[in-house]
Amino acid sequence: MSQSSISILENNYKWFLNHQDEIMKQYPEGGFALIWNCALIGIWGSRNLAMTEGIRQFGKVPFLIRSLEEEKAHQVNFSLNPIT
């Protein structure tokens, strides 16, 4: 993964951390947040649905999917091909 891809993911992750409380209050039922370009795109019921939507909307670029369930929360990015 290129340095620019890592920077994009780090920025999205920092954005999520800064807005996490607000997002979790808005979506108390949980789910998987799709974050791209420092914005919440939406919440899906499964990681696979969020990934599919991210690829559909943005293509082969890095984006962040984050679980809203605290015990499962970890940073995950999906990209079909690394950006070089």
PDB file of N, CA and C in Angstrom:
ATOM      1  N   MET A   1       0.851  -1.166   0.000  1.00  0.00           N
ATOM      2  CA  MET A   1       0.000   0.000   0.000  1.00  0.00           C
ATOM      3  C   MET A   1       0.899   1.232   0.000  1.00  0.00           C
ATOM      4  N   SER A   2       0.561   2.203  -0.819  1.00  0.00           N
ATOM      5  CA  SER A   2       1.383   3.400  -0.940  1.00  0.00           C
ATOM      6  C   SER A   2       1.211   4.313   0.274  1.00  0.00           C
ATOM      7  N   GLN A   3       2.154   5.222   0.434  1.00  0.00           N
ATOM      8  CA  GLN A   3       2.082   6.174   1.535  1.00  0.00           C
ATOM      9  C   GLN A   3       0.840   7.047   1.432  1.00  0.00           C
ATOM     10  N   SER A   4       0.450   7.428   0.210  1.00  0.00           N
ATOM     11  CA  SER A   4      -0.748   8.254   0.060  1.00  0.00           C
ATOM     12  C   SER A   4      -2.000   7.483   0.467  1.00  0.00           C
ATOM     13  N   SER A   5      -2.051   6.177   0.187  1.00  0.00           N
ATOM     14  CA  SER A   5      -3.190   5.355   0.615  1.00  0.00           C
ATOM     15  C   SER A   5      -3.259   5.278   2.127  1.00  0.00           C
ATOM     16  N   ILE A   6      -2.106   5.142   2.761  1.00  0.00           N
ATOM     17  CA  ILE A   6      -2.060   5.089   4.224  1.00  0.00           C
ATOM     18  C   ILE A   6      -2.512   6.417   4.804  1.00  0.00           C
ATOM     19  N   SER A   7      -2.080   7.531   4.221  1.00  0.00           N
ATOM     20  CA  SER A   7      -2.488   8.851   4.694  1.00  0.00           C
ATOM     21  C   SER A   7      -3.998   9.045   4.575  1.00  0.00           C
ATOM     22  N   ILE A   8      -4.560   8.594   3.470  1.00  0.00           N
ATOM     23  CA  ILE A   8      -6.016   8.694   3.280  1.00  0.00           C
ATOM     24  C   ILE A   8      -6.733   7.932   4.380  1.00  0.00           C
ATOM     25  N   LEU A   9      -6.301   6.703   4.640  1.00  0.00           N
ATOM     26  CA  LEU A   9      -6.938   5.893   5.678  1.00  0.00           C
ATOM     27  C   LEU A   9      -6.745   6.506   7.063  1.00  0.00           C
ATOM     28  N   GLU A  10      -5.554   7.015   7.343  1.00  0.00           N
ATOM     29  CA  GLU A  10      -5.311   7.660   8.637  1.00  0.00           C
ATOM     30  C   GLU A  10      -6.221   8.863   8.823  1.00  0.00           C
ATOM     31  N   ASN A  11      -6.384   9.670   7.790  1.00  0.00           N
ATOM     32  CA  ASN A  11      -7.274  10.832   7.887  1.00  0.00           C
ATOM     33  C   ASN A  11      -8.718  10.410   8.121  1.00  0.00           C
ATOM     34  N   ASN A  12      -9.171   9.373   7.415  1.00  0.00           N
ATOM     35  CA  ASN A  12     -10.535   8.881   7.623  1.00  0.00           C
ATOM     36  C   ASN A  12     -10.710   8.307   9.020  1.00  0.00           C
ATOM     37  N   TYR A  13      -9.699   7.616   9.500  1.00  0.00           N
ATOM     38  CA  TYR A  13      -9.758   7.034  10.846  1.00  0.00           C
ATOM     39  C   TYR A  13      -9.793   8.133  11.903  1.00  0.00           C
ATOM     40  N   LYS A  14      -8.966   9.156  11.761  1.00  0.00           N
ATOM     41  CA  LYS A  14      -8.978  10.280  12.707  1.00  0.00           C
ATOM     42  C   LYS A  14     -10.326  10.984  12.685  1.00  0.00           C
ATOM     43  N   TRP A  15     -10.882  11.157  11.491  1.00  0.00           N
ATOM     44  CA  TRP A  15     -12.194  11.782  11.384  1.00  0.00           C
ATOM     45  C   TRP A  15     -13.230  10.951  12.138  1.00  0.00           C
ATOM     46  N   PHE A  16     -13.183   9.628  11.939  1.00  0.00           N
ATOM     47  CA  PHE A  16     -14.129   8.764  12.637  1.00  0.00           C
ATOM     48  C   PHE A  16     -13.991   8.910  14.152  1.00  0.00           C
ATOM     49  N   LEU A  17     -12.765   8.878  14.651  1.00  0.00           N
ATOM     50  CA  LEU A  17     -12.555   8.999  16.094  1.00  0.00           C
ATOM     51  C   LEU A  17     -13.108  10.319  16.628  1.00  0.00           C
ATOM     52  N   ASN A  18     -12.969  11.392  15.864  1.00  0.00           N
ATOM     53  CA  ASN A  18     -13.487  12.697  16.288  1.00  0.00           C
ATOM     54  C   ASN A  18     -15.009  12.766  16.272  1.00  0.00           C
ATOM     55  N   HIS A  19     -15.653  11.910  15.497  1.00  0.00           N
ATOM     56  CA  HIS A  19     -17.116  11.923  15.359  1.00  0.00           C
ATOM     57  C   HIS A  19     -17.779  10.655  15.892  1.00  0.00           C
ATOM     58  N   GLN A  20     -17.003   9.788  16.499  1.00  0.00           N
ATOM     59  CA  GLN A  20     -17.492   8.475  16.920  1.00  0.00           C
ATOM     60  C   GLN A  20     -18.678   8.577  17.875  1.00  0.00           C
ATOM     61  N   ASP A  21     -18.595   9.411  18.899  1.00  0.00           N
ATOM     62  CA  ASP A  21     -19.691   9.515  19.861  1.00  0.00           C
ATOM     63  C   ASP A  21     -20.982   9.963  19.184  1.00  0.00           C
ATOM     64  N   GLU A  22     -20.870  10.956  18.333  1.00  0.00           N
ATOM     65  CA  GLU A  22     -22.031  11.469  17.605  1.00  0.00           C
ATOM     66  C   GLU A  22     -22.649  10.380  16.714  1.00  0.00           C
ATOM     67  N   ILE A  23     -21.807   9.667  15.996  1.00  0.00           N
ATOM     68  CA  ILE A  23     -22.289   8.605  15.100  1.00  0.00           C
ATOM     69  C   ILE A  23     -22.949   7.491  15.902  1.00  0.00           C
ATOM     70  N   MET A  24     -22.322   7.098  17.000  1.00  0.00           N
ATOM     71  CA  MET A  24     -22.875   5.990  17.796  1.00  0.00           C
ATOM     72  C   MET A  24     -24.192   6.383  18.460  1.00  0.00           C
ATOM     73  N   LYS A  25     -24.358   7.650  18.801  1.00  0.00           N
ATOM     74  CA  LYS A  25     -25.643   8.115  19.343  1.00  0.00           C
ATOM     75  C   LYS A  25     -26.713   8.106  18.258  1.00  0.00           C
ATOM     76  N   GLN A  26     -26.318   8.476  17.053  1.00  0.00           N
ATOM     77  CA  GLN A  26     -27.268   8.529  15.943  1.00  0.00           C
ATOM     78  C   GLN A  26     -27.670   7.125  15.474  1.00  0.00           C
ATOM     79  N   TYR A  27     -26.769   6.148  15.655  1.00  0.00           N
ATOM     80  CA  TYR A  27     -27.023   4.772  15.214  1.00  0.00           C
ATOM     81  C   TYR A  27     -26.799   3.809  16.379  1.00  0.00           C
ATOM     82  N   PRO A  28     -27.656   3.867  17.417  1.00  0.00           N
ATOM     83  CA  PRO A  28     -27.447   3.019  18.596  1.00  0.00           C
ATOM     84  C   PRO A  28     -27.601   1.525  18.315  1.00  0.00           C
ATOM     85  N   GLU A  29     -28.249   1.185  17.201  1.00  0.00           N
ATOM     86  CA  GLU A  29     -28.429  -0.226  16.854  1.00  0.00           C
ATOM     87  C   GLU A  29     -27.152  -0.842  16.294  1.00  0.00           C
ATOM     88  N   GLY A  30     -26.155  -0.013  16.038  1.00  0.00           N
ATOM     89  CA  GLY A  30     -24.876  -0.519  15.548  1.00  0.00           C
ATOM     90  C   GLY A  30     -24.857  -0.630  14.043  1.00  0.00           C
ATOM     91  N   GLY A  31     -23.921  -1.391  13.565  1.00  0.00           N
ATOM     92  CA  GLY A  31     -23.746  -1.572  12.133  1.00  0.00           C
ATOM     93  C   GLY A  31     -22.309  -1.280  11.745  1.00  0.00           C
ATOM     94  N   PHE A  32     -22.099  -1.115  10.460  1.00  0.00           N
ATOM     95  CA  PHE A  32     -20.764  -0.871   9.929  1.00  0.00           C
ATOM     96  C   PHE A  32     -20.774   0.444   9.161  1.00  0.00           C
ATOM     97  N   ALA A  33     -19.944   1.368   9.620  1.00  0.00           N
ATOM     98  CA  ALA A  33     -19.861   2.693   9.018  1.00  0.00           C
ATOM     99  C   ALA A  33     -18.907   2.660   7.835  1.00  0.00           C
ATOM    100  N   LEU A  34     -19.338   3.242   6.732  1.00  0.00           N
ATOM    101  CA  LEU A  34     -18.494   3.437   5.563  1.00  0.00           C
ATOM    102  C   LEU A  34     -18.061   4.890   5.576  1.00  0.00           C
ATOM    103  N   ILE A  35     -16.746   5.114   5.635  1.00  0.00           N
ATOM    104  CA  ILE A  35     -16.199   6.459   5.707  1.00  0.00           C
ATOM    105  C   ILE A  35     -15.254   6.654   4.535  1.00  0.00           C
ATOM    106  N   TRP A  36     -15.482   7.740   3.814  1.00  0.00           N
ATOM    107  CA  TRP A  36     -14.643   8.068   2.671  1.00  0.00           C
ATOM    108  C   TRP A  36     -14.522   9.573   2.577  1.00  0.00           C
ATOM    109  N   ASN A  37     -13.322  10.043   2.328  1.00  0.00           N
ATOM    110  CA  ASN A  37     -13.073  11.470   2.173  1.00  0.00           C
ATOM    111  C   ASN A  37     -13.521  12.258   3.408  1.00  0.00           C
ATOM    112  N   CYS A  38     -13.244  11.678   4.581  1.00  0.00           N
ATOM    113  CA  CYS A  38     -13.580  12.290   5.876  1.00  0.00           C
ATOM    114  C   CYS A  38     -15.066  12.628   5.988  1.00  0.00           C
ATOM    115  N   ALA A  39     -15.897  11.691   5.577  1.00  0.00           N
ATOM    116  CA  ALA A  39     -17.353  11.849   5.687  1.00  0.00           C
ATOM    117  C   ALA A  39     -17.987  10.482   5.887  1.00  0.00           C
ATOM    118  N   LEU A  40     -19.057  10.458   6.654  1.00  0.00           N
ATOM    119  CA  LEU A  40     -19.837   9.240   6.835  1.00  0.00           C
ATOM    120  C   LEU A  40     -20.739   9.076   5.627  1.00  0.00           C
ATOM    121  N   ILE A  41     -20.529   8.005   4.894  1.00  0.00           N
ATOM    122  CA  ILE A  41     -21.330   7.729   3.704  1.00  0.00           C
ATOM    123  C   ILE A  41     -22.632   7.030   4.094  1.00  0.00           C
ATOM    124  N   GLY A  42     -22.552   6.152   5.090  1.00  0.00           N
ATOM    125  CA  GLY A  42     -23.747   5.452   5.545  1.00  0.00           C
ATOM    126  C   GLY A  42     -23.386   4.333   6.499  1.00  0.00           C
ATOM    127  N   ILE A  43     -24.425   3.684   7.001  1.00  0.00           N
ATOM    128  CA  ILE A  43     -24.295   2.564   7.930  1.00  0.00           C
ATOM    129  C   ILE A  43     -24.984   1.359   7.307  1.00  0.00           C
ATOM    130  N   TRP A  44     -24.299   0.232   7.310  1.00  0.00           N
ATOM    131  CA  TRP A  44     -24.865  -1.001   6.766  1.00  0.00           C
ATOM    132  C   TRP A  44     -24.873  -2.084   7.835  1.00  0.00           C
ATOM    133  N   GLY A  45     -25.719  -3.079   7.654  1.00  0.00           N
ATOM    134  CA  GLY A  45     -25.897  -4.144   8.628  1.00  0.00           C
ATOM    135  C   GLY A  45     -24.775  -5.158   8.681  1.00  0.00           C
ATOM    136  N   SER A  46     -23.944  -5.194   7.660  1.00  0.00           N
ATOM    137  CA  SER A  46     -22.818  -6.124   7.655  1.00  0.00           C
ATOM    138  C   SER A  46     -21.610  -5.469   7.004  1.00  0.00           C
ATOM    139  N   ARG A  47     -20.445  -5.976   7.330  1.00  0.00           N
ATOM    140  CA  ARG A  47     -19.204  -5.481   6.728  1.00  0.00           C
ATOM    141  C   ARG A  47     -19.235  -5.699   5.215  1.00  0.00           C
ATOM    142  N   ASN A  48     -19.752  -6.849   4.773  1.00  0.00           N
ATOM    143  CA  ASN A  48     -19.808  -7.146   3.337  1.00  0.00           C
ATOM    144  C   ASN A  48     -20.691  -6.161   2.577  1.00  0.00           C
ATOM    145  N   LEU A  49     -21.823  -5.788   3.157  1.00  0.00           N
ATOM    146  CA  LEU A  49     -22.699  -4.811   2.501  1.00  0.00           C
ATOM    147  C   LEU A  49     -22.020  -3.450   2.402  1.00  0.00           C
ATOM    148  N   ALA A  50     -21.342  -3.031   3.465  1.00  0.00           N
ATOM    149  CA  ALA A  50     -20.633  -1.755   3.454  1.00  0.00           C
ATOM    150  C   ALA A  50     -19.508  -1.785   2.423  1.00  0.00           C
ATOM    151  N   MET A  51     -18.790  -2.897   2.359  1.00  0.00           N
ATOM    152  CA  MET A  51     -17.704  -3.040   1.397  1.00  0.00           C
ATOM    153  C   MET A  51     -18.235  -2.990  -0.038  1.00  0.00           C
ATOM    154  N   THR A  52     -19.309  -3.708  -0.297  1.00  0.00           N
ATOM    155  CA  THR A  52     -19.904  -3.729  -1.630  1.00  0.00           C
ATOM    156  C   THR A  52     -20.327  -2.329  -2.050  1.00  0.00           C
ATOM    157  N   GLU A  53     -20.930  -1.591  -1.131  1.00  0.00           N
ATOM    158  CA  GLU A  53     -21.371  -0.235  -1.444  1.00  0.00           C
ATOM    159  C   GLU A  53     -20.181   0.693  -1.672  1.00  0.00           C
ATOM    160  N   GLY A  54     -19.140   0.551  -0.879  1.00  0.00           N
ATOM    161  CA  GLY A  54     -17.943   1.363  -1.070  1.00  0.00           C
ATOM    162  C   GLY A  54     -17.314   1.136  -2.433  1.00  0.00           C
ATOM    163  N   ILE A  55     -17.223  -0.106  -2.829  1.00  0.00           N
ATOM    164  CA  ILE A  55     -16.659  -0.427  -4.142  1.00  0.00           C
ATOM    165  C   ILE A  55     -17.567   0.088  -5.251  1.00  0.00           C
ATOM    166  N   ARG A  56     -18.880  -0.051  -5.072  1.00  0.00           N
ATOM    167  CA  ARG A  56     -19.833   0.438  -6.076  1.00  0.00           C
ATOM    168  C   ARG A  56     -19.715   1.947  -6.260  1.00  0.00           C
ATOM    169  N   GLN A  57     -19.637   2.677  -5.135  1.00  0.00           N
ATOM    170  CA  GLN A  57     -19.623   4.138  -5.211  1.00  0.00           C
ATOM    171  C   GLN A  57     -18.262   4.714  -5.590  1.00  0.00           C
ATOM    172  N   PHE A  58     -17.186   4.102  -5.079  1.00  0.00           N
ATOM    173  CA  PHE A  58     -15.876   4.742  -5.184  1.00  0.00           C
ATOM    174  C   PHE A  58     -14.857   3.961  -5.997  1.00  0.00           C
ATOM    175  N   GLY A  59     -15.140   2.708  -6.260  1.00  0.00           N
ATOM    176  CA  GLY A  59     -14.228   1.908  -7.060  1.00  0.00           C
ATOM    177  C   GLY A  59     -13.036   1.404  -6.276  1.00  0.00           C
ATOM    178  N   LYS A  60     -11.927   1.315  -6.972  1.00  0.00           N
ATOM    179  CA  LYS A  60     -10.725   0.678  -6.431  1.00  0.00           C
ATOM    180  C   LYS A  60      -9.852   1.681  -5.679  1.00  0.00           C
ATOM    181  N   VAL A  61     -10.410   2.266  -4.645  1.00  0.00           N
ATOM    182  CA  VAL A  61      -9.677   3.215  -3.804  1.00  0.00           C
ATOM    183  C   VAL A  61      -9.798   2.777  -2.346  1.00  0.00           C
ATOM    184  N   PRO A  62      -8.874   3.200  -1.514  1.00  0.00           N
ATOM    185  CA  PRO A  62      -9.002   2.850  -0.094  1.00  0.00           C
ATOM    186  C   PRO A  62     -10.138   3.631   0.558  1.00  0.00           C
ATOM    187  N   PHE A  63     -10.911   2.936   1.372  1.00  0.00           N
ATOM    188  CA  PHE A  63     -11.930   3.571   2.199  1.00  0.00           C
ATOM    189  C   PHE A  63     -11.993   2.805   3.500  1.00  0.00           C
ATOM    190  N   LEU A  64     -12.619   3.411   4.477  1.00  0.00           N
ATOM    191  CA  LEU A  64     -12.634   2.844   5.821  1.00  0.00           C
ATOM    192  C   LEU A  64     -13.997   2.254   6.140  1.00  0.00           C
ATOM    193  N   ILE A  65     -14.012   1.073   6.708  1.00  0.00           N
ATOM    194  CA  ILE A  65     -15.223   0.479   7.262  1.00  0.00           C
ATOM    195  C   ILE A  65     -14.930   0.212   8.719  1.00  0.00           C
ATOM    196  N   ARG A  66     -15.814   0.683   9.577  1.00  0.00           N
ATOM    197  CA  ARG A  66     -15.589   0.575  11.016  1.00  0.00           C
ATOM    198  C   ARG A  66     -16.865   0.068  11.686  1.00  0.00           C
ATOM    199  N   SER A  67     -16.718  -0.940  12.525  1.00  0.00           N
ATOM    200  CA  SER A  67     -17.847  -1.460  13.291  1.00  0.00           C
ATOM    201  C   SER A  67     -18.234  -0.450  14.364  1.00  0.00           C
ATOM    202  N   LEU A  68     -19.530  -0.278  14.570  1.00  0.00           N
ATOM    203  CA  LEU A  68     -20.013   0.603  15.629  1.00  0.00           C
ATOM    204  C   LEU A  68     -20.205  -0.144  16.940  1.00  0.00           C
ATOM    205  N   GLU A  69     -19.976  -1.445  16.939  1.00  0.00           N
ATOM    206  CA  GLU A  69     -20.050  -2.223  18.176  1.00  0.00           C
ATOM    207  C   GLU A  69     -18.690  -2.180  18.842  1.00  0.00           C
ATOM    208  N   GLU A  70     -18.648  -1.632  20.038  1.00  0.00           N
ATOM    209  CA  GLU A  70     -17.384  -1.364  20.718  1.00  0.00           C
ATOM    210  C   GLU A  70     -16.494  -2.594  20.835  1.00  0.00           C
ATOM    211  N   GLU A  71     -17.065  -3.745  21.156  1.00  0.00           N
ATOM    212  CA  GLU A  71     -16.240  -4.941  21.337  1.00  0.00           C
ATOM    213  C   GLU A  71     -15.690  -5.482  20.026  1.00  0.00           C
ATOM    214  N   LYS A  72     -16.286  -5.093  18.900  1.00  0.00           N
ATOM    215  CA  LYS A  72     -15.808  -5.560  17.600  1.00  0.00           C
ATOM    216  C   LYS A  72     -15.056  -4.468  16.839  1.00  0.00           C
ATOM    217  N   ALA A  73     -14.981  -3.284  17.418  1.00  0.00           N
ATOM    218  CA  ALA A  73     -14.436  -2.136  16.686  1.00  0.00           C
ATOM    219  C   ALA A  73     -12.957  -2.317  16.383  1.00  0.00           C
ATOM    220  N   HIS A  74     -12.635  -2.189  15.116  1.00  0.00           N
ATOM    221  CA  HIS A  74     -11.257  -2.171  14.656  1.00  0.00           C
ATOM    222  C   HIS A  74     -11.242  -1.578  13.254  1.00  0.00           C
ATOM    223  N   GLN A  75     -10.131  -1.040  12.889  1.00  0.00           N
ATOM    224  CA  GLN A  75     -10.022  -0.388  11.595  1.00  0.00           C
ATOM    225  C   GLN A  75      -9.857  -1.437  10.510  1.00  0.00           C
ATOM    226  N   VAL A  76     -10.670  -1.306   9.484  1.00  0.00           N
ATOM    227  CA  VAL A  76     -10.584  -2.204   8.345  1.00  0.00           C
ATOM    228  C   VAL A  76     -10.722  -1.367   7.091  1.00  0.00           C
ATOM    229  N   ASN A  77      -9.846  -1.559   6.143  1.00  0.00           N
ATOM    230  CA  ASN A  77     -10.011  -0.898   4.851  1.00  0.00           C
ATOM    231  C   ASN A  77     -10.105  -1.949   3.776  1.00  0.00           C
ATOM    232  N   PHE A  78     -10.802  -1.602   2.745  1.00  0.00           N
ATOM    233  CA  PHE A  78     -10.952  -2.514   1.621  1.00  0.00           C
ATOM    234  C   PHE A  78     -10.576  -1.779   0.351  1.00  0.00           C
ATOM    235  N   SER A  79      -9.863  -2.434  -0.492  1.00  0.00           N
ATOM    236  CA  SER A  79      -9.514  -1.911  -1.790  1.00  0.00           C
ATOM    237  C   SER A  79      -9.230  -3.116  -2.675  1.00  0.00           C
ATOM    238  N   LEU A  80      -9.744  -3.093  -3.872  1.00  0.00           N
ATOM    239  CA  LEU A  80      -9.517  -4.232  -4.759  1.00  0.00           C
ATOM    240  C   LEU A  80      -8.062  -4.311  -5.191  1.00  0.00           C
ATOM    241  N   ASN A  81      -7.454  -3.185  -5.449  1.00  0.00           N
ATOM    242  CA  ASN A  81      -6.048  -3.123  -5.847  1.00  0.00           C
ATOM    243  C   ASN A  81      -5.369  -2.003  -5.078  1.00  0.00           C
ATOM    244  N   PRO A  82      -4.143  -2.198  -4.658  1.00  0.00           N
ATOM    245  CA  PRO A  82      -3.441  -1.101  -3.981  1.00  0.00           C
ATOM    246  C   PRO A  82      -3.176   0.030  -4.960  1.00  0.00           C
ATOM    247  N   ILE A  83      -3.242   1.233  -4.451  1.00  0.00           N
ATOM    248  CA  ILE A  83      -2.915   2.400  -5.258  1.00  0.00           C
ATOM    249  C   ILE A  83      -1.411   2.561  -5.261  1.00  0.00           C
ATOM    250  N   THR A  84      -0.842   2.742  -6.418  1.00  0.00           N
ATOM    251  CA  THR A  84       0.610   2.914  -6.510  1.00  0.00           C
ATOM    252  C   THR A  84       0.955   4.272  -7.053  1.00  0.00           C
TER     253      THR A  84
END
